[in-house]
């Protein structure tokens, strides 16, 4: 059988990979030593030119199904890895068939959960991981996606203003429907708690996590936070017509959570004495859309919220409240954000994303100011942060061969 590649935006360099060799035998000529999560399949991270991919061996039918599901999630703007292609018709030197391969783009500045703990994550950070996976699961459920295998191992995490954002990696067991029943959603939550519980115990057994961590309490937290967020985004709220301000209050609460209300169902009774509201379409990204509209920066929503807060402080400090917001945002970008991010030396640009560095500089400034008993200059704080903290962090970006991170 001839080699067959179905690819999204095909990269000609794909043809140069050793497809006639089993994936587990690929050498350092192509494979890069990036952290990989646990998988039932053989997975390798490879670099072709300036791009990095994850390659997974599996059955052809499953590979095509997952490829199409990931493309659907990509079109819907949901947080998942981007599919690159499927390779079939592989045979080895003896003419024996080899498994099909699914290729996805490697997510920049992302790490599997085990690597996060090896990079200094502590028990105090676990609630942030739980929140990230809860937000991911709720977003997928709102879009009608049943996961079927929710776990820490099937997620990549990116740092987001001190917390994390989670991205779906493995959609092999997934199913996309018009809507999900409460039974399907609860089944996903049950799977999540069982898998996360087992993964936490495994971390404890490998001494990556202290034995004092209560795995039961953490999985209960996961279920509780899922139901709380789901209810906030979907629950029906009823009130009298003299309380119409509650409509705006509901929208503001959702905005505070980072969600925009794209569609709101409002129903009044026959007598016009009561009003019932229920969000019909909600979408995460309230803060990042606002920041991007004003500055062009495309960052995680939690990072955008942090940057918007600094922009608000800048506006107040320079008495620019009466000026056009877009002009003020551009001035802040040129005078504050860009000069700070340019202070990072080339050899340290693979440590964290620029927006996360800016967030950490703001945090560092707060600590320095508290210690000094007076406000420390932002640029002095940035210089101290780069020298004393950033340089000692591990790289979280796959750097292009022979070059620096973008």
Protein backbone atom coordinates (compact mmCIF):
# COMPACT_ATOMS: atom_id res chain seq x y z
CA UNK A 1 0.00 0.00 0.00
CA UNK A 2 1.28 3.47 -0.86
CA UNK A 3 1.90 6.03 1.89
CA UNK A 4 -1.17 8.26 2.21
CA UNK A 5 -1.20 11.60 4.06
CA UNK A 6 -4.36 13.58 4.75
CA UNK A 7 -3.30 16.92 6.20
CA UNK A 8 -4.65 20.28 7.25
CA UNK A 9 -2.31 22.92 5.72
CA UNK A 10 0.14 20.20 4.60
CA UNK A 11 3.79 20.67 5.43
CA UNK A 12 6.01 19.19 2.66
CA UNK A 13 8.55 18.29 5.34
CA UNK A 14 6.15 15.58 6.56
CA UNK A 15 7.41 13.39 3.73
CA UNK A 16 10.93 13.48 5.20
CA UNK A 17 9.92 11.70 8.41
CA UNK A 18 10.88 7.97 8.69
CA UNK A 19 7.36 6.60 8.26
CA UNK A 20 8.76 3.12 7.41
CA UNK A 21 10.14 2.88 10.95
CA UNK A 22 8.00 2.12 14.06
CA UNK A 23 7.49 5.31 16.05
CA UNK A 24 9.19 3.94 19.16
CA UNK A 25 12.40 3.53 17.10
CA UNK A 26 12.57 7.13 15.85
CA UNK A 27 15.85 8.76 16.81
CA UNK A 28 17.01 12.17 18.02
CA UNK A 29 17.40 13.21 14.39
CA UNK A 30 13.68 13.98 14.43
CA UNK A 31 12.47 13.52 18.02
CA UNK A 32 12.83 16.40 20.50
CA UNK A 33 13.05 15.69 24.25
CA UNK A 34 9.91 17.54 25.28
CA UNK A 35 7.75 16.29 28.17
CA UNK A 36 4.94 13.95 27.15
CA UNK A 37 1.92 12.88 29.13
CA UNK A 38 1.04 9.26 29.80
CA UNK A 39 -0.65 7.56 26.84
CA UNK A 40 -1.90 4.11 25.90
CA UNK A 41 -0.31 4.72 22.50
CA UNK A 42 3.27 5.33 21.37
CA UNK A 43 3.70 9.13 21.11
CA UNK A 44 6.70 11.18 19.99
CA UNK A 45 7.30 14.92 19.72
CA UNK A 46 9.04 15.84 16.45
CA UNK A 47 10.35 19.06 14.95
CA UNK A 48 10.16 19.97 11.28
CA UNK A 49 11.83 23.27 10.56
CA UNK A 50 10.27 25.88 12.82
CA UNK A 51 7.22 23.76 13.70
CA UNK A 52 6.79 21.07 16.34
CA UNK A 53 4.28 18.21 16.22
CA UNK A 54 3.04 15.36 18.38
CA UNK A 55 2.78 12.05 16.49
CA UNK A 56 0.62 9.22 17.86
CA UNK A 57 0.38 5.69 16.47
CA UNK A 58 -3.13 4.23 16.43
CA UNK A 59 -5.68 2.43 14.26
CA UNK A 60 -6.52 4.23 11.00
CA UNK A 61 -10.25 4.44 11.70
CA UNK A 62 -9.67 5.89 15.15
CA UNK A 63 -7.04 8.32 13.81
CA UNK A 64 -9.41 9.74 11.18
CA UNK A 65 -12.26 9.99 13.68
CA UNK A 66 -10.12 11.87 16.20
CA UNK A 67 -8.68 14.08 13.46
CA UNK A 68 -12.17 15.13 12.36
CA UNK A 69 -13.34 15.68 15.94
CA UNK A 70 -10.35 17.90 16.70
CA UNK A 71 -11.02 19.87 13.51
CA UNK A 72 -14.62 20.37 14.64
CA UNK A 73 -13.44 21.61 18.04
CA UNK A 74 -10.96 23.93 16.31
CA UNK A 75 -13.72 25.43 14.15
CA UNK A 76 -15.83 25.95 17.27
CA UNK A 77 -12.99 27.83 18.96
CA UNK A 78 -12.71 25.33 21.82
CA UNK A 79 -9.42 24.73 23.70
CA UNK A 80 -7.91 21.64 22.10
CA UNK A 81 -4.73 20.77 20.25
CA UNK A 82 -4.79 21.58 16.53
CA UNK A 83 -4.89 18.53 14.22
CA UNK A 84 -2.30 18.47 11.46
CA UNK A 85 -2.98 15.22 9.60
CA UNK A 86 -3.29 11.45 9.43
CA UNK A 87 -0.70 9.15 7.85
CA UNK A 88 -1.78 5.69 6.63
CA UNK A 89 -0.32 3.03 4.34
CA UNK A 90 2.85 2.71 6.41
CA UNK A 91 4.98 -0.41 5.95
CA UNK A 92 8.39 -1.35 7.33
CA UNK A 93 11.44 -2.55 5.40
CA UNK A 94 10.07 -6.11 5.42
CA UNK A 95 6.75 -5.00 3.97
CA UNK A 96 4.87 -5.48 7.26
CA UNK A 97 2.06 -3.04 8.00
CA UNK A 98 2.67 -0.31 10.59
CA UNK A 99 -0.01 1.56 12.55
CA UNK A 100 -1.55 4.77 11.22
CA UNK A 101 -0.28 8.02 12.75
CA UNK A 102 -2.23 11.06 13.94
CA UNK A 103 -0.30 14.34 13.94
CA UNK A 104 -1.22 17.40 16.00
CA UNK A 105 0.60 20.70 16.44
CA UNK A 106 2.52 20.94 19.68
CA UNK A 107 0.91 23.56 21.93
CA UNK A 108 3.43 26.31 22.70
CA UNK A 109 4.34 26.84 26.36
CA UNK A 110 2.24 23.86 27.44
CA UNK A 111 3.15 21.04 29.81
CA UNK A 112 1.56 17.76 30.96
CA UNK A 113 0.63 17.70 34.63
CA UNK A 114 3.56 15.48 35.67
CA UNK A 115 6.05 17.97 34.22
CA UNK A 116 4.36 20.81 36.10
CA UNK A 117 5.08 19.04 39.37
CA UNK A 118 8.67 18.39 38.32
CA UNK A 119 8.92 22.14 37.54
CA UNK A 120 8.10 23.12 41.10
CA UNK A 121 4.30 22.86 41.31
CA UNK A 122 3.13 22.30 44.90
CA UNK A 123 -0.03 21.13 46.60
CA UNK A 124 -1.13 24.76 46.86
CA UNK A 125 -1.42 24.86 43.05
CA UNK A 126 -3.72 21.85 42.77
CA UNK A 127 -6.97 23.87 43.11
CA UNK A 128 -5.81 25.95 40.11
CA UNK A 129 -5.35 22.76 38.06
CA UNK A 130 -8.80 21.63 39.16
CA UNK A 131 -10.31 24.96 38.13
CA UNK A 132 -8.63 24.72 34.72
CA UNK A 133 -9.95 21.25 33.99
CA UNK A 134 -13.41 22.23 35.28
CA UNK A 135 -13.58 25.25 32.95
CA UNK A 136 -12.44 23.06 30.05
CA UNK A 137 -15.04 20.38 30.80
CA UNK A 138 -17.86 22.90 31.19
CA UNK A 139 -16.95 24.60 27.91
CA UNK A 140 -16.89 21.28 26.08
CA UNK A 141 -20.24 20.27 27.58
CA UNK A 142 -21.84 23.59 26.65
CA UNK A 143 -20.75 22.92 23.06
CA UNK A 144 -22.27 19.41 23.13
CA UNK A 145 -18.98 17.50 23.38
CA UNK A 146 -18.96 14.34 25.45
CA UNK A 147 -15.36 13.50 26.35
CA UNK A 148 -15.61 9.98 27.72
CA UNK A 149 -12.06 9.92 29.15
CA UNK A 150 -11.54 13.03 31.28
CA UNK A 151 -8.20 12.93 33.06
CA UNK A 152 -5.15 15.01 33.85
CA UNK A 153 -3.20 12.84 31.40
CA UNK A 154 -5.44 13.88 28.51
CA UNK A 155 -4.90 17.59 29.12
CA UNK A 156 -2.08 20.04 28.49
CA UNK A 157 -1.77 23.02 30.81
CA UNK A 158 -0.57 26.53 30.02
CA UNK A 159 0.22 29.06 32.72
CA UNK A 160 -2.33 31.89 32.95
CA UNK A 161 -1.69 34.77 35.37
CA UNK A 162 -0.61 32.50 38.20
CA UNK A 163 -3.26 29.91 37.38
CA UNK A 164 -3.66 27.55 34.45
CA UNK A 165 -5.62 27.08 31.24
CA UNK A 166 -6.37 23.52 30.14
CA UNK A 167 -6.45 22.17 26.58
CA UNK A 168 -7.89 18.85 25.44
CA UNK A 169 -5.24 16.56 23.94
CA UNK A 170 -6.94 13.20 23.42
CA UNK A 171 -10.38 13.14 21.75
CA UNK A 172 -10.30 9.44 20.88
CA UNK A 173 -13.36 8.61 23.00
CA UNK A 174 -15.16 11.89 22.34
CA UNK A 175 -18.52 12.47 20.73
CA UNK A 176 -20.01 15.71 19.44
CA UNK A 177 -23.79 16.14 19.76
CA UNK A 178 -26.32 18.94 19.44
CA UNK A 179 -26.74 18.94 23.24
CA UNK A 180 -25.73 16.66 26.08
CA UNK A 181 -28.12 15.06 28.53
CA UNK A 182 -27.51 15.59 32.23
CA UNK A 183 -26.71 11.86 32.42
CA UNK A 184 -23.88 12.17 29.90
CA UNK A 185 -22.49 15.22 31.67
CA UNK A 186 -22.58 13.48 35.04
CA UNK A 187 -20.89 10.43 33.54
CA UNK A 188 -18.03 12.65 32.35
CA UNK A 189 -17.77 14.20 35.83
CA UNK A 190 -17.68 10.73 37.41
CA UNK A 191 -14.95 9.62 35.00
CA UNK A 192 -13.02 12.81 35.79
CA UNK A 193 -13.13 12.23 39.55
CA UNK A 194 -12.13 8.57 39.23
CA UNK A 195 -9.23 9.27 36.87
CA UNK A 196 -7.93 12.30 38.74
CA UNK A 197 -8.12 10.39 42.03
CA UNK A 198 -6.00 7.58 40.56
CA UNK A 199 -3.53 10.05 39.03
CA UNK A 200 -3.06 11.85 42.34
CA UNK A 201 -2.40 8.56 44.11
CA UNK A 202 0.12 7.70 41.39
CA UNK A 203 1.87 11.05 41.93
CA UNK A 204 2.04 10.32 45.65
CA UNK A 205 3.46 6.87 45.01
CA UNK A 206 6.19 8.38 42.83
CA UNK A 207 6.95 10.98 45.56
CA UNK A 208 6.10 13.82 43.12
CA UNK A 209 3.31 14.83 45.50
CA UNK A 210 3.26 14.76 49.28
CA UNK A 211 1.37 11.98 51.05
CA UNK A 212 -0.50 14.59 53.10
CA UNK A 213 -2.53 15.61 50.04
CA UNK A 214 -6.15 14.51 50.44
CA UNK A 215 -7.02 12.98 47.06
CA UNK A 216 -10.64 12.44 48.13
CA UNK A 217 -11.05 16.11 48.99
CA UNK A 218 -9.55 17.20 45.69
CA UNK A 219 -11.89 15.11 43.54
CA UNK A 220 -14.85 16.30 45.62
CA UNK A 221 -13.65 19.84 44.92
CA UNK A 222 -13.59 19.04 41.19
CA UNK A 223 -17.21 17.85 41.20
CA UNK A 224 -18.40 20.73 43.39
CA UNK A 225 -16.75 23.38 41.23
CA UNK A 226 -18.05 21.80 38.04
CA UNK A 227 -21.64 21.92 39.28
CA UNK A 228 -21.26 25.45 40.65
CA UNK A 229 -19.90 26.77 37.35
CA UNK A 230 -22.44 24.87 35.25
CA UNK A 231 -25.31 26.25 37.36
CA UNK A 232 -23.99 29.81 37.16
CA UNK A 233 -23.79 29.60 33.38
CA UNK A 234 -27.09 27.84 32.73
CA UNK A 235 -29.53 28.04 35.65
CA UNK A 236 -32.95 29.68 35.28
CA UNK A 237 -33.41 32.75 37.48
CA UNK A 238 -36.87 34.18 38.26
CA UNK A 239 -37.72 37.54 39.86
CA UNK A 240 -40.28 40.31 39.91
CA UNK A 241 -40.52 43.04 37.27
CA UNK A 242 -39.37 45.54 39.91
CA UNK A 243 -36.00 43.76 39.99
CA UNK A 244 -34.96 44.14 36.34
CA UNK A 245 -31.52 45.19 37.53
CA UNK A 246 -30.88 41.49 38.20
CA UNK A 247 -30.53 40.91 34.45
CA UNK A 248 -27.51 43.20 34.33
CA UNK A 249 -26.22 41.71 37.58
CA UNK A 250 -26.35 38.20 36.10
CA UNK A 251 -24.44 39.36 33.04
CA UNK A 252 -21.84 41.10 35.21
CA UNK A 253 -21.34 37.93 37.28
CA UNK A 254 -20.72 35.94 34.12
CA UNK A 255 -18.33 38.62 32.84
CA UNK A 256 -16.42 38.41 36.12
CA UNK A 257 -16.01 34.68 35.49
CA UNK A 258 -14.62 35.52 32.05
CA UNK A 259 -17.74 34.61 30.04
CA UNK A 260 -19.74 36.68 27.59
CA UNK A 261 -23.48 36.15 27.24
CA UNK A 262 -24.06 35.73 23.52
CA UNK A 263 -27.78 34.96 23.90
CA UNK A 264 -30.17 35.44 26.84
CA UNK A 265 -33.68 33.94 27.01
CA UNK A 266 -36.09 36.36 28.78
CA UNK A 267 -39.67 35.29 29.49
CA UNK A 268 -42.43 37.19 31.35
CA UNK A 269 -45.60 35.66 32.74
CA UNK A 270 -49.06 36.50 31.40
CA UNK A 271 -49.68 39.14 34.03
CA UNK A 272 -46.30 40.73 33.51
CA UNK A 273 -45.46 40.42 37.22
CA UNK A 274 -42.44 38.15 36.98
CA UNK A 275 -39.46 37.66 34.69
CA UNK A 276 -37.49 34.49 34.02
CA UNK A 277 -34.01 34.61 32.49
CA UNK A 278 -31.66 31.89 31.34
CA UNK A 279 -28.40 32.25 29.42
CA UNK A 280 -28.68 30.31 26.16
CA UNK A 281 -25.21 30.86 24.68
CA UNK A 282 -22.18 31.76 26.79
CA UNK A 283 -18.56 31.87 25.65
CA UNK A 284 -15.35 32.18 27.63
CA UNK A 285 -13.03 34.95 26.50
CA UNK A 286 -14.65 38.15 27.75
CA UNK A 287 -11.39 39.69 28.92
CA UNK A 288 -9.14 38.43 26.13
CA UNK A 289 -11.55 39.73 23.48
CA UNK A 290 -11.65 43.12 25.17
CA UNK A 291 -7.86 43.31 25.44
CA UNK A 292 -7.31 42.10 21.88
CA UNK A 293 -9.75 44.68 20.50
CA UNK A 294 -7.77 47.48 22.16
CA UNK A 295 -4.17 46.26 21.89
CA UNK A 296 -4.03 43.34 19.46
CA UNK A 297 -2.60 41.09 22.19
CA UNK A 298 -3.92 37.52 22.08
CA UNK A 299 -3.46 35.92 25.51
CA UNK A 300 -5.25 33.61 27.93
CA UNK A 301 -8.34 35.13 29.54
CA UNK A 302 -6.86 35.25 33.05
CA UNK A 303 -3.76 36.99 31.67
CA UNK A 304 -5.98 39.45 29.80
CA UNK A 305 -7.82 40.30 33.00
CA UNK A 306 -4.51 40.96 34.76
CA UNK A 307 -3.31 43.17 31.91
CA UNK A 308 -6.61 45.07 31.81
CA UNK A 309 -6.28 45.76 35.53
CA UNK A 310 -2.80 47.19 34.96
CA UNK A 311 -4.14 49.23 32.06
CA UNK A 312 -6.82 50.62 34.40
CA UNK A 313 -4.15 51.53 36.97
CA UNK A 314 -2.09 53.21 34.25
CA UNK A 315 -5.16 55.17 33.12
CA UNK A 316 -5.86 56.39 36.65
CA UNK A 317 -2.21 57.20 37.43
CA UNK A 318 -1.92 59.39 34.32
CA UNK A 319 -5.41 60.90 34.67
CA UNK A 320 -6.46 59.59 31.26
CA UNK A 321 -9.98 58.58 32.20
CA UNK A 322 -11.54 61.07 29.77
CA UNK A 323 -9.38 59.96 26.85
CA UNK A 324 -10.37 57.42 24.19
CA UNK A 325 -9.79 53.94 25.68
CA UNK A 326 -8.17 52.58 22.53
CA UNK A 327 -5.67 55.44 22.41
CA UNK A 328 -4.85 54.98 26.10
CA UNK A 329 -4.43 51.24 25.56
CA UNK A 330 -2.02 51.86 22.70
CA UNK A 331 -0.02 54.28 24.84
CA UNK A 332 0.14 51.69 27.69
CA UNK A 333 1.24 49.04 25.19
CA UNK A 334 4.08 51.21 23.84
CA UNK A 335 5.19 52.75 27.15
CA UNK A 336 4.72 49.84 29.57
CA UNK A 337 3.98 46.36 28.21
CA UNK A 338 6.34 46.20 25.23
CA UNK A 339 9.37 47.75 27.03
CA UNK A 340 8.92 45.26 29.91
CA UNK A 341 8.73 42.22 27.64
CA UNK A 342 11.74 43.45 25.62
CA UNK A 343 13.82 43.37 28.81
CA UNK A 344 13.82 39.56 28.67
CA UNK A 345 17.15 38.40 27.19
CA UNK A 346 17.00 36.03 24.18
CA UNK A 347 18.23 33.05 26.18
CA UNK A 348 15.29 33.42 28.62
CA UNK A 349 12.46 33.81 26.11
CA UNK A 350 11.63 30.12 26.24
CA UNK A 351 10.85 30.27 29.96
CA UNK A 352 7.34 31.74 29.90
CA UNK A 353 4.98 33.53 27.54
CA UNK A 354 5.41 37.33 27.47
CA UNK A 355 2.00 37.93 29.09
CA UNK A 356 2.85 35.52 31.91
CA UNK A 357 6.22 37.22 32.41
CA UNK A 358 4.45 40.59 32.64
CA UNK A 359 2.06 39.15 35.23
CA UNK A 360 4.97 37.80 37.27
CA UNK A 361 6.76 41.15 37.07
CA UNK A 362 3.67 42.81 38.55
CA UNK A 363 3.62 40.18 41.31
CA UNK A 364 7.34 40.68 41.94
CA UNK A 365 6.87 44.44 42.14
CA UNK A 366 4.24 43.93 44.83
CA UNK A 367 6.61 41.75 46.90
CA UNK A 368 9.51 44.19 46.50
CA UNK A 369 7.33 47.16 47.44
CA UNK A 370 6.00 45.37 50.52
CA UNK A 371 9.54 44.53 51.59
CA UNK A 372 10.78 48.07 50.96
CA UNK A 373 7.80 49.73 52.57
CA UNK A 374 7.42 51.95 49.50
CA UNK A 375 6.39 51.53 45.89
CA UNK A 376 9.20 50.17 43.73
CA UNK A 377 9.52 51.32 40.12
CA UNK A 378 8.03 48.84 37.64
CA UNK A 379 11.13 48.74 35.41
CA UNK A 380 13.45 48.26 38.38
CA UNK A 381 11.18 45.42 39.47
CA UNK A 382 11.38 43.89 35.99
CA UNK A 383 15.18 44.00 35.97
CA UNK A 384 15.34 42.37 39.39
CA UNK A 385 12.78 39.72 38.35
CA UNK A 386 14.72 38.77 35.21
CA UNK A 387 18.00 38.43 37.09
CA UNK A 388 16.82 36.74 40.29
CA UNK A 389 13.82 34.65 39.19
CA UNK A 390 13.28 34.26 35.46
CA UNK A 391 16.82 33.14 34.60
CA UNK A 392 16.46 30.21 37.00
CA UNK A 393 13.16 28.92 35.63
CA UNK A 394 13.12 25.88 33.30
CA UNK A 395 12.31 26.36 29.62
CA UNK A 396 8.67 25.62 28.77
CA UNK A 397 8.92 26.27 25.03
CA UNK A 398 10.41 24.08 22.32
CA UNK A 399 13.04 26.37 20.87
CA UNK A 400 13.62 26.21 17.12
CA UNK A 401 16.89 24.52 16.19
CA UNK A 402 19.70 27.06 16.03
CA UNK A 403 17.50 29.96 17.06
CA UNK A 404 15.69 31.71 19.88
CA UNK A 405 12.07 31.61 20.88
CA UNK A 406 9.85 34.07 19.15
